[in-house]
Amino acid sequence: MNLVKIIEYLRNRLKTVVGICCGVLMLLVIVDALFVSKEHAHTAPEHWPAFWAVFGFVACALIVLLSKAYGHAGIMTREDYYETKDTGENGGDEE
Protein backbone atom coordinates (compact mmCIF):
# COMPACT_ATOMS: atom_id res chain seq x y z
CA MET A 1 0.00 0.00 0.00
CA ASN A 2 1.24 3.45 -0.86
CA LEU A 3 2.19 5.72 2.06
CA VAL A 4 0.17 8.59 0.62
CA LYS A 5 -2.94 6.40 0.54
CA ILE A 6 -2.40 5.43 4.19
CA ILE A 7 -2.06 9.08 5.22
CA GLU A 8 -5.19 10.04 3.28
CA TYR A 9 -7.09 7.11 4.83
CA LEU A 10 -6.11 8.20 8.35
CA ARG A 11 -6.78 11.87 7.62
CA ASN A 12 -10.30 11.04 6.42
CA ARG A 13 -10.93 9.23 9.72
CA LEU A 14 -9.30 11.76 12.03
CA LYS A 15 -11.90 11.48 14.82
CA THR A 16 -11.43 7.72 14.93
CA VAL A 17 -7.63 8.06 15.03
CA VAL A 18 -7.80 10.63 17.84
CA GLY A 19 -10.23 8.42 19.77
CA ILE A 20 -7.96 5.39 19.43
CA CYS A 21 -4.92 7.42 20.55
CA CYS A 22 -6.80 8.75 23.60
CA GLY A 23 -7.96 5.22 24.43
CA VAL A 24 -4.40 3.87 24.25
CA LEU A 25 -3.20 6.75 26.42
CA MET A 26 -5.89 6.04 29.03
CA LEU A 27 -5.01 2.34 28.97
CA LEU A 28 -1.33 3.17 29.54
CA VAL A 29 -2.20 5.48 32.44
CA ILE A 30 -4.33 2.75 34.05
CA VAL A 31 -1.59 0.15 33.59
CA ASP A 32 0.96 2.58 35.04
CA ALA A 33 -1.25 3.37 38.04
CA LEU A 34 -2.13 -0.25 38.83
CA PHE A 35 0.76 -2.46 37.80
CA VAL A 36 4.01 -0.46 37.74
CA SER A 37 6.02 -0.54 40.94
CA LYS A 38 7.13 2.90 42.08
CA GLU A 39 9.12 1.89 45.14
CA HIS A 40 12.47 2.56 43.43
CA ALA A 41 11.54 6.00 42.08
CA HIS A 42 14.24 8.61 42.52
CA THR A 43 12.09 11.73 42.91
CA ALA A 44 8.73 12.49 44.49
CA PRO A 45 6.88 13.24 41.23
CA GLU A 46 7.83 9.80 39.90
CA HIS A 47 5.45 8.30 42.47
CA TRP A 48 2.48 10.02 40.76
CA PRO A 49 0.50 7.93 38.27
CA ALA A 50 1.19 8.88 34.63
CA PHE A 51 3.95 11.32 35.59
CA TRP A 52 6.16 10.41 32.63
CA ALA A 53 3.26 10.53 30.16
CA VAL A 54 2.33 14.04 31.31
CA PHE A 55 5.98 15.09 31.45
CA GLY A 56 6.57 13.84 27.90
CA PHE A 57 3.46 15.57 26.55
CA VAL A 58 4.31 18.89 28.21
CA ALA A 59 7.93 18.69 27.03
CA CYS A 60 6.84 17.94 23.46
CA ALA A 61 4.30 20.77 23.46
CA LEU A 62 6.92 23.19 24.80
CA ILE A 63 9.42 22.14 22.12
CA VAL A 64 6.83 22.76 19.40
CA LEU A 65 5.73 26.12 20.82
CA LEU A 66 9.27 27.38 21.44
CA SER A 67 10.41 26.25 17.99
CA LYS A 68 7.48 28.04 16.40
CA ALA A 69 8.20 31.22 18.37
CA TYR A 70 11.89 31.00 17.48
CA GLY A 71 11.03 30.57 13.82
CA HIS A 72 8.70 33.57 13.77
CA ALA A 73 11.22 35.66 15.69
CA GLY A 74 13.67 35.77 12.84
CA ILE A 75 14.66 32.44 11.35
CA MET A 76 11.76 32.37 8.89
CA THR A 77 11.88 34.57 5.83
CA ARG A 78 9.44 35.50 3.12
CA GLU A 79 8.57 32.87 0.52
CA ASP A 80 10.10 34.73 -2.42
CA TYR A 81 13.47 35.24 -0.71
CA TYR A 82 15.47 33.35 -3.36
CA GLU A 83 13.58 34.68 -6.36
CA THR A 84 15.37 37.31 -8.40
CA LYS A 85 13.91 40.74 -8.94
CA ASP A 86 12.90 41.67 -12.47
CA THR A 87 15.68 43.91 -13.75
CA GLY A 88 15.13 43.37 -17.46
CA GLU A 89 13.44 41.20 -20.04
CA ASN A 90 15.17 38.02 -18.85
CA GLY A 91 14.27 38.55 -15.22
CA GLY A 92 17.84 39.30 -14.20
CA ASP A 93 19.32 36.15 -15.73
CA GLU A 94 21.60 37.92 -18.17
CA GLU A 95 24.97 36.30 -18.77
C-alpha atoms as a PDB file:
ATOM      1  CA  MET A   1       0.000   0.000   0.000  1.00  0.00           C
ATOM      2  CA  ASN A   2       1.242   3.449  -0.856  1.00  0.00           C
ATOM      3  CA  LEU A   3       2.191   5.716   2.065  1.00  0.00           C
ATOM      4  CA  VAL A   4       0.169   8.592   0.615  1.00  0.00           C
ATOM      5  CA  LYS A   5      -2.944   6.402   0.538  1.00  0.00           C
ATOM      6  CA  ILE A   6      -2.401   5.433   4.186  1.00  0.00           C
ATOM      7  CA  ILE A   7      -2.062   9.081   5.217  1.00  0.00           C
ATOM      8  CA  GLU A   8      -5.190  10.042   3.279  1.00  0.00           C
ATOM      9  CA  TYR A   9      -7.085   7.108   4.829  1.00  0.00           C
ATOM     10  CA  LEU A  10      -6.106   8.202   8.354  1.00  0.00           C
ATOM     11  CA  ARG A  11      -6.780  11.869   7.619  1.00  0.00           C
ATOM     12  CA  ASN A  12     -10.297  11.044   6.416  1.00  0.00           C
ATOM     13  CA  ARG A  13     -10.929   9.229   9.715  1.00  0.00           C
ATOM     14  CA  LEU A  14      -9.302  11.761  12.035  1.00  0.00           C
ATOM     15  CA  LYS A  15     -11.896  11.480  14.823  1.00  0.00           C
ATOM     16  CA  THR A  16     -11.426   7.719  14.933  1.00  0.00           C
ATOM     17  CA  VAL A  17      -7.626   8.064  15.030  1.00  0.00           C
ATOM     18  CA  VAL A  18      -7.797  10.634  17.841  1.00  0.00           C
ATOM     19  CA  GLY A  19     -10.229   8.423  19.765  1.00  0.00           C
ATOM     20  CA  ILE A  20      -7.956   5.391  19.430  1.00  0.00           C
ATOM     21  CA  CYS A  21      -4.918   7.417  20.553  1.00  0.00           C
ATOM     22  CA  CYS A  22      -6.801   8.747  23.598  1.00  0.00           C
ATOM     23  CA  GLY A  23      -7.956   5.224  24.431  1.00  0.00           C
ATOM     24  CA  VAL A  24      -4.399   3.875  24.246  1.00  0.00           C
ATOM     25  CA  LEU A  25      -3.196   6.750  26.421  1.00  0.00           C
ATOM     26  CA  MET A  26      -5.891   6.042  29.033  1.00  0.00           C
ATOM     27  CA  LEU A  27      -5.009   2.344  28.974  1.00  0.00           C
ATOM     28  CA  LEU A  28      -1.326   3.169  29.537  1.00  0.00           C
ATOM     29  CA  VAL A  29      -2.197   5.481  32.436  1.00  0.00           C
ATOM     30  CA  ILE A  30      -4.327   2.752  34.047  1.00  0.00           C
ATOM     31  CA  VAL A  31      -1.586   0.150  33.591  1.00  0.00           C
ATOM     32  CA  ASP A  32       0.960   2.581  35.043  1.00  0.00           C
ATOM     33  CA  ALA A  33      -1.248   3.366  38.036  1.00  0.00           C
ATOM     34  CA  LEU A  34      -2.131  -0.249  38.831  1.00  0.00           C
ATOM     35  CA  PHE A  35       0.762  -2.455  37.796  1.00  0.00           C
ATOM     36  CA  VAL A  36       4.013  -0.456  37.736  1.00  0.00           C
ATOM     37  CA  SER A  37       6.022  -0.535  40.938  1.00  0.00           C
ATOM     38  CA  LYS A  38       7.133   2.902  42.076  1.00  0.00           C
ATOM     39  CA  GLU A  39       9.121   1.892  45.142  1.00  0.00           C
ATOM     40  CA  HIS A  40      12.468   2.562  43.430  1.00  0.00           C
ATOM     41  CA  ALA A  41      11.540   6.002  42.082  1.00  0.00           C
ATOM     42  CA  HIS A  42      14.241   8.613  42.519  1.00  0.00           C
ATOM     43  CA  THR A  43      12.092  11.730  42.909  1.00  0.00           C
ATOM     44  CA  ALA A  44       8.729  12.493  44.494  1.00  0.00           C
ATOM     45  CA  PRO A  45       6.877  13.238  41.228  1.00  0.00           C
ATOM     46  CA  GLU A  46       7.829   9.799  39.898  1.00  0.00           C
ATOM     47  CA  HIS A  47       5.449   8.305  42.468  1.00  0.00           C
ATOM     48  CA  TRP A  48       2.479  10.017  40.764  1.00  0.00           C
ATOM     49  CA  PRO A  49       0.501   7.928  38.272  1.00  0.00           C
ATOM     50  CA  ALA A  50       1.189   8.882  34.634  1.00  0.00           C
ATOM     51  CA  PHE A  51       3.946  11.317  35.591  1.00  0.00           C
ATOM     52  CA  TRP A  52       6.156  10.411  32.632  1.00  0.00           C
ATOM     53  CA  ALA A  53       3.263  10.530  30.159  1.00  0.00           C
ATOM     54  CA  VAL A  54       2.333  14.043  31.306  1.00  0.00           C
ATOM     55  CA  PHE A  55       5.980  15.095  31.448  1.00  0.00           C
ATOM     56  CA  GLY A  56       6.573  13.845  27.896  1.00  0.00           C
ATOM     57  CA  PHE A  57       3.461  15.569  26.553  1.00  0.00           C
ATOM     58  CA  VAL A  58       4.314  18.895  28.209  1.00  0.00           C
ATOM     59  CA  ALA A  59       7.931  18.687  27.026  1.00  0.00           C
ATOM     60  CA  CYS A  60       6.844  17.939  23.457  1.00  0.00           C
ATOM     61  CA  ALA A  61       4.299  20.768  23.461  1.00  0.00           C
ATOM     62  CA  LEU A  62       6.924  23.188  24.797  1.00  0.00           C
ATOM     63  CA  ILE A  63       9.417  22.144  22.124  1.00  0.00           C
ATOM     64  CA  VAL A  64       6.831  22.757  19.400  1.00  0.00           C
ATOM     65  CA  LEU A  65       5.726  26.122  20.818  1.00  0.00           C
ATOM     66  CA  LEU A  66       9.273  27.378  21.444  1.00  0.00           C
ATOM     67  CA  SER A  67      10.413  26.246  17.992  1.00  0.00           C
ATOM     68  CA  LYS A  68       7.484  28.037  16.405  1.00  0.00           C
ATOM     69  CA  ALA A  69       8.197  31.217  18.369  1.00  0.00           C
ATOM     70  CA  TYR A  70      11.891  30.998  17.475  1.00  0.00           C
ATOM     71  CA  GLY A  71      11.028  30.575  13.819  1.00  0.00           C
ATOM     72  CA  HIS A  72       8.699  33.567  13.774  1.00  0.00           C
ATOM     73  CA  ALA A  73      11.224  35.657  15.695  1.00  0.00           C
ATOM     74  CA  GLY A  74      13.669  35.767  12.837  1.00  0.00           C
ATOM     75  CA  ILE A  75      14.659  32.444  11.355  1.00  0.00           C
ATOM     76  CA  MET A  76      11.758  32.372   8.891  1.00  0.00           C
ATOM     77  CA  THR A  77      11.882  34.566   5.829  1.00  0.00           C
ATOM     78  CA  ARG A  78       9.436  35.498   3.124  1.00  0.00           C
ATOM     79  CA  GLU A  79       8.568  32.875   0.520  1.00  0.00           C
ATOM     80  CA  ASP A  80      10.099  34.734  -2.416  1.00  0.00           C
ATOM     81  CA  TYR A  81      13.470  35.237  -0.708  1.00  0.00           C
ATOM     82  CA  TYR A  82      15.465  33.355  -3.359  1.00  0.00           C
ATOM     83  CA  GLU A  83      13.584  34.683  -6.357  1.00  0.00           C
ATOM     84  CA  THR A  84      15.370  37.309  -8.398  1.00  0.00           C
ATOM     85  CA  LYS A  85      13.907  40.744  -8.939  1.00  0.00           C
ATOM     86  CA  ASP A  86      12.901  41.665 -12.469  1.00  0.00           C
ATOM     87  CA  THR A  87      15.684  43.907 -13.748  1.00  0.00           C
ATOM     88  CA  GLY A  88      15.135  43.375 -17.456  1.00  0.00           C
ATOM     89  CA  GLU A  89      13.443  41.200 -20.043  1.00  0.00           C
ATOM     90  CA  ASN A  90      15.169  38.022 -18.851  1.00  0.00           C
ATOM     91  CA  GLY A  91      14.271  38.550 -15.222  1.00  0.00           C
ATOM     92  CA  GLY A  92      17.842  39.305 -14.198  1.00  0.00           C
ATOM     93  CA  ASP A  93      19.321  36.147 -15.730  1.00  0.00           C
ATOM     94  CA  GLU A  94      21.596  37.920 -18.174  1.00  0.00           C
ATOM     95  CA  GLU A  95      24.973  36.296 -18.770  1.00  0.00           C
END
